[in-house]
Amino acid sequence: MSPLNTSFQRSVLASDLDHVEGVCWDPVRRCLWAGGEAGQVYRVGLDGTVDVVTVIEGGALLGMALDGAGALYVCDPGNHQVWRMDADFTVTPFGAAIDYPNYPAFAPDGRLFVSDSGSFHEPSGRIVVIDPDGTTTEVATRALAFANGLAIDETTLYVVESAAPGVSAMPLAGGPLEMVIPMERCVPDGLAFDAHGGLLISCYQPNQIWRFASDSGLELVVDEWTGELILSPTNIAFYGERLERLALASLCGHDLVTIAPPHPGAALRRP
């Protein structure tokens, strides 16, 4: 019996990737972007073709976000930097140095929020925000238990605390950061909203994807206990014409796996 329900239509979109953690969808160029642990920026076509468009020297690339002009923002703890890669693949620093930039997400006003993970063994993570002009400031919060994936709706910032484990949230307008989705015996990593108001949570361990909704609570959607079909899912991204498929990056593997989750995705904000 397969450990993964066949209704998920699991497939391998691309192989031989260098332990990609970050992945994001580009609806204009109709490709996925992903980053390797040796600084590679991968462009993955919907037919599975893979191009390395640039390599960032000394890089170890994690989360990614795309703006409305087609520029890609890449978190790179290897160089303690968020990079901006323009549509012509020119790479420049964006914002000030950050100790361990992990994941970026745009707010409605165009500011880029970035998780700075800190230590996994003691709460020392934080959130920083980068204005469009590059001005970088720390968001006033308590210390986070390894700040990781982010998701933002119209009013609220959600942040994974991998070592807690769980997902915390705070108002974008300011206010306390509070644990809103406590979890147990797992290492949550990535977040993505679906079109039905659910928040998907990918778990680096133990190969799980959960869905949280305000009306139904926390539900286990995928539990791939073998690690053969889905291995250590880190960042996740809905993609396709109707955002009907979900790409799963894997820091521990070499494949970019995709599935068809129960609900299509919500479109990301690209200022």
Protein backbone atom coordinates (compact mmCIF):
# COMPACT_ATOMS: atom_id res chain seq x y z
CA MET A 1 0.00 0.00 0.00
CA SER A 2 1.42 3.39 -0.98
CA PRO A 3 2.11 5.81 1.89
CA LEU A 4 0.73 8.63 -0.28
CA ASN A 5 -2.89 8.81 -1.42
CA THR A 6 -3.04 8.51 -5.22
CA SER A 7 -5.48 11.44 -5.37
CA PHE A 8 -2.52 13.75 -4.77
CA GLN A 9 -1.13 12.90 -8.26
CA ARG A 10 2.44 13.06 -7.02
CA SER A 11 5.11 13.60 -9.67
CA VAL A 12 8.75 14.64 -9.93
CA LEU A 13 8.99 17.88 -11.90
CA ALA A 14 12.80 18.19 -11.83
CA SER A 15 15.76 16.15 -10.59
CA ASP A 16 19.49 16.55 -9.89
CA LEU A 17 18.99 19.78 -7.96
CA ASP A 18 21.40 20.77 -5.19
CA HIS A 19 19.29 20.44 -2.06
CA VAL A 20 16.80 23.20 -2.83
CA GLU A 21 14.89 24.67 0.10
CA GLY A 22 13.23 27.71 -1.47
CA VAL A 23 10.76 27.66 -4.36
CA CYS A 24 8.40 30.26 -5.83
CA TRP A 25 6.09 30.55 -8.85
CA ASP A 26 6.55 33.09 -11.63
CA PRO A 27 3.16 33.49 -13.39
CA VAL A 28 4.54 35.77 -16.11
CA ARG A 29 7.48 33.66 -17.24
CA ARG A 30 5.55 30.51 -16.28
CA CYS A 31 8.35 28.84 -14.38
CA LEU A 32 9.37 28.00 -10.85
CA TRP A 33 12.43 29.52 -9.22
CA ALA A 34 14.51 27.55 -6.74
CA GLY A 35 17.89 27.94 -5.04
CA GLY A 36 20.74 25.50 -4.41
CA GLU A 37 22.98 25.18 -1.39
CA ALA A 38 26.03 26.27 -3.43
CA GLY A 39 24.42 29.53 -4.58
CA GLN A 40 22.67 28.26 -7.72
CA VAL A 41 19.53 30.06 -8.89
CA TYR A 42 17.47 27.51 -10.82
CA ARG A 43 14.75 28.26 -13.37
CA VAL A 44 12.48 25.22 -13.64
CA GLY A 45 10.11 25.05 -16.60
CA LEU A 46 6.72 23.40 -16.43
CA ASP A 47 8.12 20.69 -18.71
CA GLY A 48 10.84 19.95 -16.16
CA THR A 49 13.71 21.69 -17.92
CA VAL A 50 16.23 23.19 -15.51
CA ASP A 51 18.55 26.14 -16.18
CA VAL A 52 21.08 27.62 -13.77
CA VAL A 53 20.68 31.33 -14.53
CA THR A 54 23.39 32.47 -12.10
CA VAL A 55 25.51 31.29 -9.19
CA ILE A 56 25.99 33.53 -6.16
CA GLU A 57 29.52 33.00 -4.87
CA GLY A 58 29.55 31.74 -1.29
CA GLY A 59 25.79 31.42 -1.35
CA ALA A 60 23.51 28.94 0.40
CA LEU A 61 20.08 29.88 -0.88
CA LEU A 62 16.86 29.46 1.06
CA GLY A 63 13.49 31.24 0.71
CA MET A 64 12.44 33.34 -2.30
CA ALA A 65 9.84 35.94 -3.23
CA LEU A 66 8.97 37.66 -6.52
CA ASP A 67 7.84 41.25 -7.10
CA GLY A 68 5.60 42.68 -9.80
CA ALA A 69 8.54 43.70 -12.00
CA GLY A 70 9.87 40.15 -12.14
CA ALA A 71 12.70 40.68 -9.65
CA LEU A 72 13.50 37.73 -7.41
CA TYR A 73 14.43 38.26 -3.76
CA VAL A 74 16.58 35.46 -2.34
CA CYS A 75 17.58 34.75 1.26
CA ASP A 76 21.23 33.73 1.55
CA PRO A 77 22.54 32.89 5.05
CA GLY A 78 25.87 31.94 3.49
CA ASN A 79 26.51 35.62 2.75
CA HIS A 80 24.16 36.98 5.46
CA GLN A 81 22.25 38.82 2.76
CA VAL A 82 18.99 39.15 0.89
CA TRP A 83 19.74 39.48 -2.82
CA ARG A 84 17.61 41.06 -5.54
CA MET A 85 17.93 39.40 -8.95
CA ASP A 86 16.46 41.62 -11.66
CA ALA A 87 14.71 40.26 -14.73
CA ASP A 88 18.02 40.40 -16.63
CA PHE A 89 19.62 38.22 -13.88
CA THR A 90 21.68 41.06 -12.42
CA VAL A 91 22.18 40.32 -8.72
CA THR A 92 22.60 43.09 -6.13
CA PRO A 93 22.30 43.23 -2.32
CA PHE A 94 18.90 44.30 -1.03
CA GLY A 95 18.86 45.76 2.43
CA ALA A 96 21.41 45.51 5.22
CA ALA A 97 23.26 42.38 6.32
CA ILE A 98 21.13 39.84 8.23
CA ASP A 99 22.67 37.07 10.31
CA TYR A 100 20.56 34.14 9.02
CA PRO A 101 17.97 35.32 6.48
CA ASN A 102 15.63 32.41 5.90
CA TYR A 103 12.40 33.45 4.17
CA PRO A 104 10.99 36.66 2.56
CA ALA A 105 7.35 37.70 2.10
CA PHE A 106 5.79 40.92 0.82
CA ALA A 107 3.25 42.93 2.82
CA PRO A 108 0.39 44.82 1.12
CA ASP A 109 2.36 48.08 1.32
CA GLY A 110 5.36 46.65 -0.55
CA ARG A 111 7.65 46.12 2.43
CA LEU A 112 9.58 42.86 2.47
CA PHE A 113 9.44 40.93 5.76
CA VAL A 114 12.32 38.50 6.35
CA SER A 115 12.79 35.85 9.02
CA ASP A 116 16.20 35.82 10.73
CA SER A 117 16.27 32.31 12.17
CA GLY A 118 18.64 32.51 15.13
CA SER A 119 19.60 29.35 17.01
CA PHE A 120 17.55 26.17 16.91
CA HIS A 121 18.47 25.38 20.52
CA GLU A 122 17.43 28.62 22.23
CA PRO A 123 14.97 31.35 21.19
CA SER A 124 17.01 34.01 19.40
CA GLY A 125 15.22 34.45 16.07
CA ARG A 126 13.74 37.72 14.90
CA ILE A 127 11.84 39.39 12.08
CA VAL A 128 13.27 42.25 10.02
CA VAL A 129 11.53 44.38 7.42
CA ILE A 130 13.14 45.94 4.35
CA ASP A 131 11.55 49.02 2.78
CA PRO A 132 11.56 49.39 -1.02
CA ASP A 133 14.55 51.75 -0.72
CA GLY A 134 16.54 49.11 1.19
CA THR A 135 16.13 50.58 4.67
CA THR A 136 16.25 47.64 7.07
CA THR A 137 14.73 47.62 10.57
CA GLU A 138 14.00 44.99 13.19
CA VAL A 139 10.37 44.30 14.05
CA ALA A 140 9.71 44.57 17.79
CA THR A 141 8.85 41.03 18.93
CA ARG A 142 9.89 38.52 21.54
CA ALA A 143 12.74 36.19 20.58
CA LEU A 144 11.55 33.46 18.21
CA ALA A 145 12.28 29.73 18.41
CA PHE A 146 14.05 29.45 15.02
CA ALA A 147 12.10 31.81 12.76
CA ASN A 148 11.41 30.15 9.42
CA GLY A 149 8.69 30.35 6.74
CA LEU A 150 6.43 33.41 6.50
CA ALA A 151 2.97 34.09 5.08
CA ILE A 152 1.13 37.41 5.00
CA ASP A 153 -2.53 38.24 4.41
CA GLU A 154 -4.14 41.68 4.44
CA THR A 155 -3.73 42.23 8.17
CA THR A 156 -1.49 39.57 9.69
CA LEU A 157 2.04 38.19 9.52
CA TYR A 158 2.37 34.45 10.15
CA VAL A 159 5.77 32.98 11.00
CA VAL A 160 6.89 29.41 11.56
CA GLU A 161 8.78 28.77 14.77
CA SER A 162 10.42 25.48 13.86
CA ALA A 163 11.84 24.73 17.29
CA ALA A 164 8.66 25.56 19.25
CA PRO A 165 7.13 23.89 17.18
CA GLY A 166 4.26 25.84 15.70
CA VAL A 167 3.10 28.93 13.84
CA SER A 168 2.86 32.36 15.46
CA ALA A 169 1.15 35.51 14.21
CA MET A 170 1.17 39.26 14.76
CA PRO A 171 -0.80 42.19 13.32
CA LEU A 172 0.99 44.04 10.52
CA ALA A 173 -0.08 47.29 12.15
CA GLY A 174 1.84 46.32 15.29
CA GLY A 175 1.12 44.23 18.34
CA PRO A 176 2.33 41.13 20.16
CA LEU A 177 3.58 38.01 18.40
CA GLU A 178 1.52 35.09 19.70
CA MET A 179 1.52 31.34 19.06
CA VAL A 180 -1.69 30.58 17.14
CA ILE A 181 -1.06 27.06 15.80
CA PRO A 182 0.79 24.91 18.35
CA MET A 183 2.15 21.66 16.94
CA GLU A 184 3.83 18.58 18.38
CA ARG A 185 6.67 16.23 17.41
CA CYS A 186 7.43 17.86 14.07
CA VAL A 187 9.64 20.56 12.53
CA PRO A 188 7.41 22.98 10.57
CA ASP A 189 9.18 24.92 7.83
CA GLY A 190 7.10 26.46 5.01
CA LEU A 191 3.71 28.17 4.68
CA ALA A 192 1.26 28.78 1.84
CA PHE A 193 -2.36 30.00 1.78
CA ASP A 194 -4.92 28.13 -0.27
CA ALA A 195 -7.91 29.75 -1.98
CA HIS A 196 -10.35 28.44 0.65
CA GLY A 197 -8.76 30.27 3.55
CA GLY A 198 -6.55 27.43 4.71
CA LEU A 199 -2.91 27.76 5.69
CA LEU A 200 -0.71 24.86 4.56
CA ILE A 201 2.27 24.03 6.78
CA SER A 202 5.05 21.84 5.42
CA CYS A 203 7.15 19.90 7.91
CA TYR A 204 10.83 19.21 7.26
CA GLN A 205 10.35 16.35 9.69
CA PRO A 206 8.60 13.97 9.57
CA ASN A 207 7.64 14.44 5.88
CA GLN A 208 4.23 15.95 6.58
CA ILE A 209 1.93 18.69 5.31
CA TRP A 210 -0.77 20.09 7.58
CA ARG A 211 -3.67 22.43 6.84
CA PHE A 212 -5.04 24.90 9.35
CA ALA A 213 -8.42 26.60 8.95
CA SER A 214 -10.22 28.74 11.51
CA ASP A 215 -13.40 26.68 11.23
CA SER A 216 -11.87 23.20 11.33
CA GLY A 217 -8.55 23.57 13.10
CA LEU A 218 -5.41 21.63 12.25
CA GLU A 219 -5.70 18.71 9.81
CA LEU A 220 -2.98 16.34 8.62
CA VAL A 221 -3.11 16.37 4.80
CA VAL A 222 0.03 14.42 3.87
CA ASP A 223 1.94 11.95 6.04
CA GLU A 224 4.60 10.32 3.87
CA TRP A 225 6.19 8.14 6.52
CA THR A 226 8.70 6.43 4.19
CA GLY A 227 10.40 9.54 2.79
CA GLU A 228 10.61 7.81 -0.58
CA LEU A 229 7.89 9.83 -2.33
CA ILE A 230 8.08 13.08 -0.36
CA LEU A 231 11.29 13.82 1.50
CA SER A 232 11.75 16.63 4.05
CA PRO A 233 9.41 19.21 2.43
CA THR A 234 10.70 22.67 3.26
CA ASN A 235 9.29 25.67 1.35
CA ILE A 236 6.13 25.12 -0.71
CA ALA A 237 4.54 27.08 -3.54
CA PHE A 238 1.29 26.76 -5.47
CA TYR A 239 1.79 27.03 -9.22
CA GLY A 240 0.08 26.56 -12.58
CA GLU A 241 -2.64 28.37 -14.49
CA ARG A 242 -5.17 27.86 -11.69
CA LEU A 243 -2.60 27.36 -8.89
CA GLU A 244 -3.85 23.82 -8.73
CA ARG A 245 -0.52 22.16 -7.98
CA LEU A 246 1.87 22.49 -5.06
CA ALA A 247 5.65 22.37 -5.49
CA LEU A 248 7.61 20.91 -2.58
CA ALA A 249 11.26 21.85 -2.18
CA SER A 250 13.50 19.42 -0.29
CA LEU A 251 16.64 20.47 1.52
CA CYS A 252 17.59 16.81 2.05
CA GLY A 253 16.98 15.62 -1.51
CA HIS A 254 17.63 16.39 -5.17
CA ASP A 255 14.08 16.41 -6.59
CA LEU A 256 11.41 19.07 -6.92
CA VAL A 257 8.24 17.09 -6.23
CA THR A 258 4.72 18.34 -6.95
CA ILE A 259 1.28 17.21 -5.79
CA ALA A 260 -2.35 18.20 -6.32
CA PRO A 261 -3.61 19.25 -2.85
CA PRO A 262 -7.30 19.29 -1.88
CA HIS A 263 -7.69 23.01 -2.70
CA PRO A 264 -5.99 25.37 -5.19
CA GLY A 265 -3.71 28.10 -3.95
CA ALA A 266 -4.31 31.75 -3.22
CA ALA A 267 -2.41 34.16 -5.47
CA LEU A 268 0.65 35.71 -3.84
CA ARG A 269 1.04 39.46 -3.50
CA ARG A 270 3.67 40.86 -5.92
CA PRO A 271 4.08 44.61 -5.41
